[in-house]
Amino acid sequence: MTAHWQEQVSLKPYNTFGIDVKARYFAQVHTDDEVREALAQARQRGLAVMVIGGGSNVLLTRDVDALVLHMASRGRHVLGDGAGCVLVEAEAGEPWHPFVQWSLQQGLCGLENLSLIPGTVGAAPMQNVGAYGVEIKDVFAGLTALDRQTGELRDFGLEECAFGYRDSLFKRNPGRWLILRVRFALSHQLQAHLDYGPVRQRLAEQGVQEPTAQAISDAICSIRREKLPDPAELGNAGSFFKNPVVAVEQVARIRAEFPGVVAYPQADGQVKLAAGWLIEQAGWKGYRDGDAGVHRLQSLVLVNYGQASGAQLHGLAQRIQADILARFGVELEMEPNLY
């Protein structure tokens, strides 16, 4: 089957910021064959290709003079169950949170801390998404990707993906690999991660003494809904800046002037700073310039109040970066991919 191409398609429904730019060409692909065919046609026409899933990690600042390939593949199933590990596979186009909830309904543990993260399964390894003390790499069992240069399929294991903090081989080579499906190593036995953020406190407030994976997921969902705006109601891409990782000496200099700095020692001897704390201390929380702003409850989140352009949001992000560098000597890096 050949995917149907459309011309001059608004991408507003396909990015969580709700930025209204147009794609020169647009196609939804549901199968490996449709992906191959679309890429082959794009090569024949000399067109660049942009791949999107849920559009939750991109800031579009202009019309896209390319083929925008929307991954719409669906499917999730258990591949094997044995030796304390349950191997689960999902297609790249599966929405992430419904996939997490499906895994919990199967009685499987491991993804509960990653509940309510926007996006798709295929995008999750790109960023090595993480929340509340768990990252994709902690539950990762492999993935299948298409080599856009050769057209061949390749399976990747954990080490080959070179996962880092919000980083991976695939993010560093955006034009090379197209992730088709991802595998996860889950378990029937819960190994609870409760010490990051207010998870344990929220469970206590809810009267949960012996938490299940579903209870942890519910607690995290309630925390996220309180702190983070729903993209369906207020355009955003979740956390806009990475938490910067700096040397111990730099933290000491910052702490001398700002004793309340929020910092987390890392295994490699460096220290991760809370970007949200830095931005809030600098007075940006709740800031608004036209329809581009910083969320009033979470300073890590940039929001589109309606008609902001991607360029306006990018400009606001650059102003915040410059201010944090001037105040604290710390460089903030954007999480969303910029186009």
Protein backbone atom coordinates (compact mmCIF):
# COMPACT_ATOMS: atom_id res chain seq x y z
CA MET A 1 0.00 0.00 0.00
CA THR A 2 1.23 3.48 -0.82
CA ALA A 3 0.71 6.28 1.67
CA HIS A 4 -1.39 9.15 0.35
CA TRP A 5 0.49 12.43 0.03
CA GLN A 6 -1.21 15.75 0.74
CA GLU A 7 0.08 19.21 -0.12
CA GLN A 8 0.22 22.38 1.99
CA VAL A 9 -1.06 20.73 5.16
CA SER A 10 -1.29 22.67 8.42
CA LEU A 11 0.80 21.04 11.14
CA LYS A 12 -1.16 22.67 13.95
CA PRO A 13 -2.90 19.38 14.91
CA TYR A 14 0.42 17.53 14.80
CA ASN A 15 2.50 19.51 17.30
CA THR A 16 1.61 20.02 20.94
CA PHE A 17 2.61 23.69 20.88
CA GLY A 18 -0.22 24.19 18.38
CA ILE A 19 2.00 26.16 16.00
CA ASP A 20 0.22 26.78 12.71
CA VAL A 21 2.83 26.21 10.00
CA LYS A 22 2.40 24.29 6.75
CA ALA A 23 4.11 21.20 5.42
CA ARG A 24 4.82 21.27 1.69
CA TYR A 25 3.91 17.56 1.63
CA PHE A 26 2.39 15.39 4.35
CA ALA A 27 1.81 11.65 4.59
CA GLN A 28 0.68 9.30 7.33
CA VAL A 29 2.40 5.93 7.35
CA HIS A 30 1.06 2.84 9.11
CA THR A 31 3.39 0.03 7.98
CA ASP A 32 7.05 -0.62 7.23
CA ASP A 33 6.22 -0.83 3.52
CA GLU A 34 4.51 2.56 3.57
CA VAL A 35 7.56 4.06 5.29
CA ARG A 36 9.92 2.61 2.68
CA GLU A 37 7.72 3.74 -0.20
CA ALA A 38 7.38 7.29 1.14
CA LEU A 39 11.14 7.59 1.68
CA ALA A 40 11.81 6.23 -1.81
CA GLN A 41 9.41 8.75 -3.38
CA ALA A 42 10.98 11.58 -1.40
CA ARG A 43 14.43 10.57 -2.67
CA GLN A 44 13.16 10.49 -6.25
CA ARG A 45 11.76 14.01 -5.89
CA GLY A 46 14.81 15.32 -4.08
CA LEU A 47 12.81 16.14 -0.98
CA ALA A 48 13.99 16.32 2.60
CA VAL A 49 11.96 14.30 5.11
CA MET A 50 10.84 15.28 8.59
CA VAL A 51 9.49 12.46 10.78
CA ILE A 52 7.00 13.27 13.52
CA GLY A 53 5.10 11.17 16.02
CA GLY A 54 3.07 13.00 18.63
CA GLY A 55 4.80 16.31 17.89
CA SER A 56 5.48 16.79 21.59
CA ASN A 57 9.19 17.48 21.26
CA VAL A 58 9.44 19.94 18.39
CA LEU A 59 9.22 23.70 18.04
CA LEU A 60 8.27 24.71 14.50
CA THR A 61 9.45 28.19 13.62
CA ARG A 62 8.64 28.20 9.90
CA ASP A 63 6.84 26.31 7.15
CA VAL A 64 8.38 22.91 6.44
CA ASP A 65 9.67 22.67 2.87
CA ALA A 66 9.83 18.88 2.98
CA LEU A 67 7.78 15.73 3.25
CA VAL A 68 6.46 15.46 6.81
CA LEU A 69 6.08 11.78 7.59
CA HIS A 70 3.62 11.16 10.40
CA MET A 71 4.20 7.81 12.12
CA ALA A 72 0.75 6.32 12.64
CA SER A 73 1.64 2.64 13.08
CA ARG A 74 -0.24 0.80 15.81
CA GLY A 75 0.24 -2.46 17.70
CA ARG A 76 1.39 -3.68 21.10
CA HIS A 77 1.87 -7.22 22.33
CA VAL A 78 3.79 -9.50 24.67
CA LEU A 79 6.68 -11.26 22.94
CA GLY A 80 7.71 -13.53 25.80
CA ASP A 81 7.32 -14.18 29.50
CA GLY A 82 9.99 -16.01 31.45
CA ALA A 83 12.88 -15.82 33.90
CA GLY A 84 11.31 -12.88 35.69
CA CYS A 85 11.17 -10.73 32.56
CA VAL A 86 8.24 -9.99 30.30
CA LEU A 87 9.26 -8.77 26.86
CA VAL A 88 6.78 -6.32 25.34
CA GLU A 89 6.90 -4.69 21.90
CA ALA A 90 5.01 -1.65 20.61
CA GLU A 91 4.89 0.07 17.23
CA ALA A 92 6.44 3.51 16.93
CA GLY A 93 3.14 5.29 16.33
CA GLU A 94 1.52 4.06 19.54
CA PRO A 95 0.67 6.99 21.84
CA TRP A 96 2.93 6.68 24.88
CA HIS A 97 0.57 7.11 27.84
CA PRO A 98 -2.11 4.69 26.56
CA PHE A 99 0.70 2.18 26.00
CA VAL A 100 1.85 2.61 29.62
CA GLN A 101 -1.71 2.11 30.84
CA TRP A 102 -2.08 -0.98 28.65
CA SER A 103 1.07 -2.47 30.20
CA LEU A 104 -0.34 -1.89 33.69
CA GLN A 105 -3.60 -3.55 32.69
CA GLN A 106 -1.56 -6.63 31.73
CA GLY A 107 -0.22 -6.71 35.30
CA LEU A 108 3.21 -5.53 34.19
CA CYS A 109 5.50 -3.21 36.13
CA GLY A 110 8.30 -0.92 35.00
CA LEU A 111 6.66 1.93 33.09
CA GLU A 112 4.50 3.36 35.88
CA ASN A 113 6.86 6.28 36.65
CA LEU A 114 6.71 7.30 32.99
CA SER A 115 2.95 7.85 33.02
CA LEU A 116 1.30 10.82 31.31
CA ILE A 117 4.35 11.76 29.25
CA PRO A 118 3.14 13.11 25.90
CA GLY A 119 4.36 11.67 22.62
CA THR A 120 4.69 8.27 21.01
CA VAL A 121 6.56 5.04 21.65
CA GLY A 122 8.94 5.67 18.74
CA ALA A 123 9.97 9.06 20.07
CA ALA A 124 10.66 7.83 23.60
CA PRO A 125 14.11 6.30 22.90
CA MET A 126 15.13 9.32 20.81
CA GLN A 127 15.15 11.50 23.92
CA ASN A 128 15.67 8.69 26.44
CA VAL A 129 12.60 10.18 28.11
CA GLY A 130 12.53 10.06 31.87
CA ALA A 131 10.50 11.11 34.87
CA TYR A 132 10.45 10.55 38.63
CA GLY A 133 13.67 8.57 38.78
CA VAL A 134 13.15 6.28 35.76
CA GLU A 135 14.41 6.62 32.18
CA ILE A 136 13.68 4.62 29.04
CA LYS A 137 17.12 3.01 29.26
CA ASP A 138 16.13 1.41 32.59
CA VAL A 139 13.39 -0.68 30.95
CA PHE A 140 14.76 -0.88 27.41
CA ALA A 141 15.13 -4.24 25.69
CA GLY A 142 15.77 -3.24 22.08
CA LEU A 143 14.32 -1.57 19.02
CA THR A 144 14.04 -1.99 15.28
CA ALA A 145 14.95 0.95 13.07
CA LEU A 146 15.11 1.59 9.34
CA ASP A 147 18.41 2.86 7.97
CA ARG A 148 17.31 5.77 5.77
CA GLN A 149 20.58 5.59 3.86
CA THR A 150 20.44 1.93 2.88
CA GLY A 151 16.78 0.98 3.40
CA GLU A 152 17.80 -1.93 5.63
CA LEU A 153 16.28 -2.85 8.98
CA ARG A 154 18.54 -3.06 12.03
CA ASP A 155 17.94 -4.17 15.60
CA PHE A 156 19.59 -2.16 18.36
CA GLY A 157 20.46 -3.31 21.87
CA LEU A 158 20.93 -1.15 24.93
CA GLU A 159 24.63 -0.37 24.52
CA GLU A 160 24.31 0.43 20.82
CA CYS A 161 21.73 3.13 21.55
CA ALA A 162 24.29 5.14 23.56
CA PHE A 163 21.63 6.55 25.86
CA GLY A 164 22.46 9.67 27.85
CA TYR A 165 20.51 12.33 29.70
CA ARG A 166 17.69 13.18 27.23
CA ASP A 167 20.01 11.90 24.52
CA SER A 168 20.69 8.88 22.31
CA LEU A 169 22.41 7.76 19.14
CA PHE A 170 19.17 8.49 17.28
CA LYS A 171 18.91 12.06 18.48
CA ARG A 172 22.52 12.70 17.47
CA ASN A 173 21.86 11.26 13.99
CA PRO A 174 18.37 12.58 13.20
CA GLY A 175 18.53 11.94 9.46
CA ARG A 176 19.88 8.40 9.63
CA TRP A 177 17.57 6.15 11.64
CA LEU A 178 13.78 5.89 11.65
CA ILE A 179 12.52 3.94 14.67
CA LEU A 180 9.78 1.47 13.74
CA ARG A 181 9.12 -0.45 16.96
CA VAL A 182 10.50 -0.64 20.49
CA ARG A 183 10.84 -3.49 23.01
CA PHE A 184 10.70 -3.20 26.78
CA ALA A 185 11.76 -5.55 29.59
CA LEU A 186 8.97 -5.43 32.17
CA SER A 187 8.11 -7.59 35.18
CA HIS A 188 5.22 -8.98 37.16
CA GLN A 189 7.08 -7.93 40.31
CA LEU A 190 7.10 -4.27 41.31
CA GLN A 191 10.38 -2.55 42.06
CA ALA A 192 9.01 0.77 43.24
CA HIS A 193 10.87 4.03 42.60
CA LEU A 194 9.32 6.47 45.04
CA ASP A 195 12.06 8.82 46.17
CA TYR A 196 12.17 11.29 43.30
CA GLY A 197 9.91 14.27 43.71
CA PRO A 198 6.72 14.13 45.78
CA VAL A 199 5.64 10.62 44.75
CA ARG A 200 5.91 9.04 48.20
CA GLN A 201 4.16 12.03 49.76
CA ARG A 202 1.32 11.88 47.25
CA LEU A 203 0.78 8.17 47.89
CA ALA A 204 0.60 8.87 51.64
CA GLU A 205 -1.94 11.64 51.00
CA GLN A 206 -4.00 9.17 49.02
CA GLY A 207 -3.87 6.65 51.87
CA VAL A 208 -1.79 4.14 49.91
CA GLN A 209 0.41 2.15 52.30
CA GLU A 210 1.47 -0.69 49.99
CA PRO A 211 1.59 0.84 46.51
CA THR A 212 0.93 -1.11 43.36
CA ALA A 213 2.27 -0.10 39.94
CA GLN A 214 -1.16 1.29 39.08
CA ALA A 215 -1.28 3.31 42.32
CA ILE A 216 2.14 4.80 41.53
CA SER A 217 0.97 5.65 38.03
CA ASP A 218 -2.18 7.28 39.39
CA ALA A 219 -0.15 9.33 41.88
CA ILE A 220 2.25 10.51 39.19
CA CYS A 221 -0.63 11.39 36.89
CA SER A 222 -2.21 13.50 39.60
CA ILE A 223 1.10 15.30 40.28
CA ARG A 224 1.71 15.97 36.60
CA ARG A 225 -1.82 17.25 36.02
CA GLU A 226 -1.38 19.73 38.86
CA LYS A 227 1.99 21.00 37.67
CA LEU A 228 1.90 20.66 33.89
CA PRO A 229 -0.66 22.09 31.46
CA ASP A 230 -2.61 19.75 29.18
CA PRO A 231 -1.42 20.41 25.58
CA ALA A 232 -5.02 19.97 24.42
CA GLU A 233 -5.93 23.06 26.47
CA LEU A 234 -2.70 25.10 26.45
CA GLY A 235 -0.01 24.59 23.81
CA ASN A 236 3.28 23.32 25.26
CA ALA A 237 5.94 20.66 24.84
CA GLY A 238 6.43 19.78 28.50
CA SER A 239 9.80 20.63 29.99
CA PHE A 240 11.46 23.03 27.58
CA PHE A 241 14.96 23.05 29.09
CA LYS A 242 17.22 20.24 30.24
CA ASN A 243 18.49 20.25 33.80
CA PRO A 244 22.11 21.38 33.35
CA VAL A 245 24.91 19.15 34.62
CA VAL A 246 27.87 21.15 35.95
CA ALA A 247 31.05 20.75 37.98
CA VAL A 248 31.00 20.69 41.79
CA GLU A 249 33.07 23.87 41.90
CA GLN A 250 30.47 25.76 39.88
CA VAL A 251 27.71 24.65 42.23
CA ALA A 252 29.77 25.90 45.19
CA ARG A 253 30.09 29.32 43.56
CA ILE A 254 26.35 29.49 42.90
CA ARG A 255 25.50 28.29 46.41
CA ALA A 256 27.64 31.00 47.95
CA GLU A 257 25.27 33.59 46.49
CA PHE A 258 22.09 31.47 46.31
CA PRO A 259 22.09 29.04 49.28
CA GLY A 260 18.79 27.50 48.23
CA VAL A 261 19.99 26.21 44.87
CA VAL A 262 18.45 22.82 44.06
CA ALA A 263 21.20 20.37 43.06
CA TYR A 264 21.51 16.60 42.69
CA PRO A 265 24.95 14.89 42.87
CA GLN A 266 25.59 12.52 39.95
CA ALA A 267 27.46 9.23 39.85
CA ASP A 268 30.24 10.73 37.72
CA GLY A 269 31.04 13.41 40.31
CA GLN A 270 29.19 16.21 38.58
CA VAL A 271 26.01 17.86 39.81
CA LYS A 272 22.64 18.27 38.11
CA LEU A 273 20.97 21.61 38.73
CA ALA A 274 17.20 22.09 38.66
CA ALA A 275 16.66 24.31 35.63
CA GLY A 276 13.19 25.19 36.86
CA TRP A 277 14.63 26.60 40.09
CA LEU A 278 17.12 28.74 38.17
CA ILE A 279 14.40 30.11 35.89
CA GLU A 280 12.04 30.80 38.79
CA GLN A 281 14.75 32.58 40.78
CA ALA A 282 15.40 34.78 37.77
CA GLY A 283 11.76 35.89 37.81
CA TRP A 284 10.51 34.25 34.63
CA LYS A 285 7.81 32.05 36.16
CA GLY A 286 4.43 33.23 34.88
CA TYR A 287 6.02 35.69 32.45
CA ARG A 288 4.00 36.46 29.31
CA ASP A 289 4.82 38.37 26.16
CA GLY A 290 1.78 38.37 23.91
CA ASP A 291 0.74 34.73 23.51
CA ALA A 292 4.22 33.36 24.32
CA GLY A 293 4.87 32.73 27.98
CA VAL A 294 6.27 30.72 30.87
CA HIS A 295 3.72 28.64 32.73
CA ARG A 296 2.51 30.14 36.00
CA LEU A 297 2.96 26.87 37.94
CA GLN A 298 6.01 25.32 36.26
CA SER A 299 8.84 27.55 35.11
CA LEU A 300 10.34 24.78 32.94
CA VAL A 301 7.33 24.91 30.64
CA LEU A 302 6.96 27.43 27.83
CA VAL A 303 3.39 27.84 26.65
CA ASN A 304 1.45 29.12 23.67
CA TYR A 305 -1.61 31.00 24.89
CA GLY A 306 -3.18 30.84 21.45
CA GLN A 307 -1.54 32.59 18.54
CA ALA A 308 2.17 32.62 19.40
CA SER A 309 4.49 31.71 16.57
CA GLY A 310 7.35 29.29 16.92
CA ALA A 311 9.76 32.15 16.34
CA GLN A 312 8.23 34.09 19.24
CA LEU A 313 8.56 31.11 21.58
CA HIS A 314 12.12 30.54 20.42
CA GLY A 315 12.91 34.19 21.04
CA LEU A 316 11.54 33.92 24.57
CA ALA A 317 13.62 30.80 25.17
CA GLN A 318 16.76 32.61 24.00
CA ARG A 319 16.08 35.51 26.36
CA ILE A 320 15.72 33.09 29.27
CA GLN A 321 18.94 31.31 28.29
CA ALA A 322 20.85 34.59 28.13
CA ASP A 323 19.52 35.70 31.51
CA ILE A 324 20.39 32.43 33.26
CA LEU A 325 23.88 32.53 31.78
CA ALA A 326 24.37 36.10 32.97
CA ARG A 327 23.00 35.46 36.48
CA PHE A 328 24.37 32.00 37.26
CA GLY A 329 27.00 31.27 34.62
CA VAL A 330 24.95 28.26 33.55
CA GLU A 331 23.99 27.40 29.97
CA LEU A 332 20.50 26.01 29.49
CA GLU A 333 19.90 23.63 26.61
CA MET A 334 16.52 23.30 24.94
CA GLU A 335 14.84 19.89 24.97
CA PRO A 336 12.56 20.27 21.92
CA ASN A 337 14.04 19.94 18.47
CA LEU A 338 14.02 23.26 16.63
CA TYR A 339 12.90 23.54 13.03
